[in-house]
Every structure is written in structure tokens, then in C-alpha cells.
Amino acid sequence: MSGFNRHPWLKWEQVEKFLGQKLPFAEKGQTFLDNMTWAEGYVQDMLKKAMPGMDANISSSGTIGTEIFETHEHVIVKVKIAKEEDPRALQVFVKSNQIKLTGFTNGKNRIIKVPTLVLPRTANVTYKQRVLEIKIRKRGLKESYHEAYIRY
């Protein structure tokens, strides 16, 4: 079986109706499921429709030129810095749920939301090849109590 007939349980007409557009035909020698490059454009279009005020170049983190990764113990944020920016003028401020970057030439600040709570004092920031990398330890699930002293 080839192409669309390999999976007879899939009703492509229904999928096209749901997506609101015709599905692209496969290139010669490929089946439809082997070439899914059209999906990225579709997702970008849906994001533009859902958030009309946002810029067209939305990355996975929602901020232009920003990548966010999570490991078991850390959140790693990589921010691409433009050539005209002075990296020595930049400042990074970390809260438990977001990062604020200041010192850009246009005077605007950038706020980056992190996907999980972090420990701000553990932030480690490096700048290399126009990329600012911020590595922050995640807040543990089992937090111990800290005594708050009573003033009399």
C-alpha cells in the first residue's frame, strides 16, 4: 500500500476539514506521513490567530531569540544578543518565576518567564558568541522550613 491508502482508518478529508486547509501532497517516493514539514507553518499560523498582538517570529518560549531548556535540576535560558548591543552594559535580574534583562540600547527591558520555579541566588550567567546563557537551579519539591524569628 502506498501513500494515503496505507492507513485506511485515517480519514484525510476529516483531518483537512478540522485543520481548515488542504493537506500537501507527498513528494515522489515519500508518503504523506514521511514529510511533515508543513506542520510548523500550520502551528505558527494558529499561534498568530490565537495571539494577534504577538510578533510573527514566535519561538518555543514565546520570546524572540530565546531558547529555554529544562534538566532534572536546572533551567537553562539562552538569549541571542544583537550585534549592536554592548554585552557589558547588560544586566540580568532573576526572580523565582522570571528573568529581567536590562541595558539594551533601545532602553527597553526584556522579561522572560521560566517554566518552573527556580532559586534566584543560584543563577550563573555567561556570555559567549553573542549568546547570553543563564543557568538556574530549580526549586526543590521538598523544601525545608526556615524559621522566621519573632521580634518583641
Protein backbone atom coordinates (compact mmCIF):
# COMPACT_ATOMS: atom_id res chain seq x y z
CA MET A 1 0.00 0.00 0.00
CA SER A 2 1.26 3.45 -0.75
CA GLY A 3 0.69 6.99 0.45
CA PHE A 4 -2.80 7.75 1.69
CA ASN A 5 -4.05 4.14 1.47
CA ARG A 6 -1.51 2.67 3.88
CA HIS A 7 -3.67 3.63 6.87
CA PRO A 8 -7.27 3.18 5.75
CA TRP A 9 -8.54 4.12 9.22
CA LEU A 10 -7.29 7.70 8.69
CA LYS A 11 -9.94 9.86 7.04
CA TRP A 12 -7.89 12.64 5.46
CA GLU A 13 -10.98 14.58 4.43
CA GLN A 14 -11.97 14.88 8.08
CA VAL A 15 -8.45 15.95 9.05
CA GLU A 16 -8.46 18.60 6.30
CA LYS A 17 -11.86 19.84 7.47
CA PHE A 18 -10.60 20.07 11.07
CA LEU A 19 -7.41 21.92 10.05
CA GLY A 20 -9.31 24.23 7.71
CA GLN A 21 -6.91 23.70 4.83
CA LYS A 22 -5.92 21.17 2.21
CA LEU A 23 -3.07 18.86 3.17
CA PRO A 24 0.01 18.94 0.93
CA PHE A 25 0.64 16.00 -1.34
CA ALA A 26 3.71 13.86 -0.75
CA GLU A 27 6.77 14.20 -2.92
CA LYS A 28 7.70 11.39 -5.23
CA GLY A 29 8.85 8.36 -3.23
CA GLN A 30 7.51 9.70 0.07
CA THR A 31 4.25 9.17 1.86
CA PHE A 32 2.27 11.95 3.46
CA LEU A 33 3.41 10.95 6.97
CA ASP A 34 7.09 10.94 5.93
CA ASN A 35 7.05 14.66 5.11
CA MET A 36 5.57 16.68 7.96
CA THR A 37 7.40 19.98 7.29
CA TRP A 38 4.07 21.70 6.63
CA ALA A 39 3.12 21.26 10.31
CA GLU A 40 5.45 24.01 11.56
CA GLY A 41 3.83 26.59 9.30
CA TYR A 42 0.39 25.47 10.41
CA VAL A 43 1.31 25.79 14.10
CA GLN A 44 2.78 29.28 13.50
CA ASP A 45 -0.44 30.34 11.73
CA MET A 46 -2.56 29.05 14.61
CA LEU A 47 -0.39 30.90 17.15
CA LYS A 48 -0.76 34.13 15.15
CA LYS A 49 -4.54 33.69 15.10
CA ALA A 50 -4.70 32.85 18.81
CA MET A 51 -2.42 35.74 19.86
CA PRO A 52 -2.85 38.51 17.27
CA GLY A 53 -0.79 41.04 19.23
CA MET A 54 2.33 38.88 19.28
CA ASP A 55 5.23 39.13 16.81
CA ALA A 56 5.28 36.70 13.89
CA ASN A 57 8.61 35.15 14.89
CA ILE A 58 7.49 33.28 17.97
CA SER A 59 9.97 30.76 19.32
CA SER A 60 9.12 27.83 21.54
CA SER A 61 9.49 30.01 24.60
CA GLY A 62 7.35 32.84 23.31
CA THR A 63 10.19 35.37 23.26
CA ILE A 64 12.11 36.19 20.10
CA GLY A 65 15.68 34.81 20.06
CA THR A 66 15.22 32.92 23.31
CA GLU A 67 15.51 29.19 23.99
CA ILE A 68 14.58 27.57 27.30
CA PHE A 69 15.71 24.09 28.32
CA GLU A 70 14.97 22.10 31.46
CA THR A 71 17.10 19.40 33.00
CA HIS A 72 16.27 17.49 36.16
CA GLU A 73 17.90 20.13 38.36
CA HIS A 74 18.28 23.29 36.24
CA VAL A 75 16.54 25.68 33.88
CA ILE A 76 18.81 26.95 31.11
CA VAL A 77 17.86 30.06 29.17
CA LYS A 78 19.79 31.10 26.06
CA VAL A 79 19.21 34.60 24.72
CA LYS A 80 20.65 35.69 21.37
CA ILE A 81 22.03 39.23 21.64
CA ALA A 82 22.08 41.51 18.59
CA LYS A 83 25.41 42.75 17.18
CA GLU A 84 24.68 46.37 18.03
CA GLU A 85 24.18 45.60 21.73
CA ASP A 86 27.00 46.11 24.22
CA PRO A 87 27.16 42.89 26.28
CA ARG A 88 28.97 44.69 29.12
CA ALA A 89 26.01 47.07 29.54
CA LEU A 90 23.53 44.22 30.05
CA GLN A 91 22.22 43.31 33.47
CA VAL A 92 20.36 40.13 34.46
CA PHE A 93 17.87 40.06 37.34
CA VAL A 94 16.35 36.73 38.40
CA LYS A 95 13.13 36.16 40.35
CA SER A 96 11.67 32.80 41.24
CA ASN A 97 9.43 32.81 38.15
CA GLN A 98 11.04 35.19 35.64
CA ILE A 99 14.21 36.82 34.36
CA LYS A 100 14.57 40.52 33.57
CA LEU A 101 17.24 41.73 31.15
CA THR A 102 18.17 45.43 31.15
CA GLY A 103 20.80 47.61 29.50
CA PHE A 104 19.69 47.34 25.87
CA THR A 105 20.49 50.25 23.55
CA ASN A 106 16.80 50.99 22.95
CA GLY A 107 16.25 51.35 26.71
CA LYS A 108 13.59 48.64 26.89
CA ASN A 109 13.72 45.72 29.31
CA ARG A 110 13.03 42.10 28.40
CA ILE A 111 11.06 39.81 30.68
CA ILE A 112 11.44 36.04 30.22
CA LYS A 113 9.12 33.74 32.15
CA VAL A 114 10.70 30.48 33.29
CA PRO A 115 8.61 27.30 33.10
CA THR A 116 9.11 26.28 36.73
CA LEU A 117 10.08 27.96 39.99
CA VAL A 118 13.82 28.49 40.43
CA LEU A 119 16.26 29.58 43.13
CA PRO A 120 17.35 33.09 42.04
CA ARG A 121 20.58 33.12 44.08
CA THR A 122 21.90 30.10 42.14
CA ALA A 123 21.86 31.87 38.76
CA ASN A 124 25.03 31.53 36.71
CA VAL A 125 25.28 33.77 33.63
CA THR A 126 27.82 33.51 30.80
CA TYR A 127 28.20 35.43 27.54
CA LYS A 128 29.82 33.74 24.56
CA GLN A 129 29.50 34.32 20.80
CA ARG A 130 26.55 36.76 21.13
CA VAL A 131 24.58 34.29 23.30
CA LEU A 132 23.74 35.04 26.91
CA GLU A 133 23.30 31.76 28.82
CA ILE A 134 21.52 31.81 32.17
CA LYS A 135 21.61 28.60 34.22
CA ILE A 136 19.44 28.50 37.35
CA ARG A 137 18.83 25.67 39.79
CA LYS A 138 15.21 24.56 40.07
CA ARG A 139 13.44 24.92 43.36
CA GLY A 140 13.18 21.52 45.02
CA LEU A 141 9.86 19.83 45.65
CA LYS A 142 10.81 19.08 49.24
CA GLU A 143 11.62 22.44 50.69
CA SER A 144 12.54 22.59 54.31
CA TYR A 145 11.06 25.11 56.72
CA HIS A 146 13.10 28.16 57.59
CA GLU A 147 12.46 29.73 60.95
CA ALA A 148 11.23 33.30 60.86
CA TYR A 149 12.30 34.97 64.07
CA ILE A 150 9.75 36.95 66.04
CA ARG A 151 10.67 40.48 67.08
CA TYR A 152 9.49 41.51 70.58
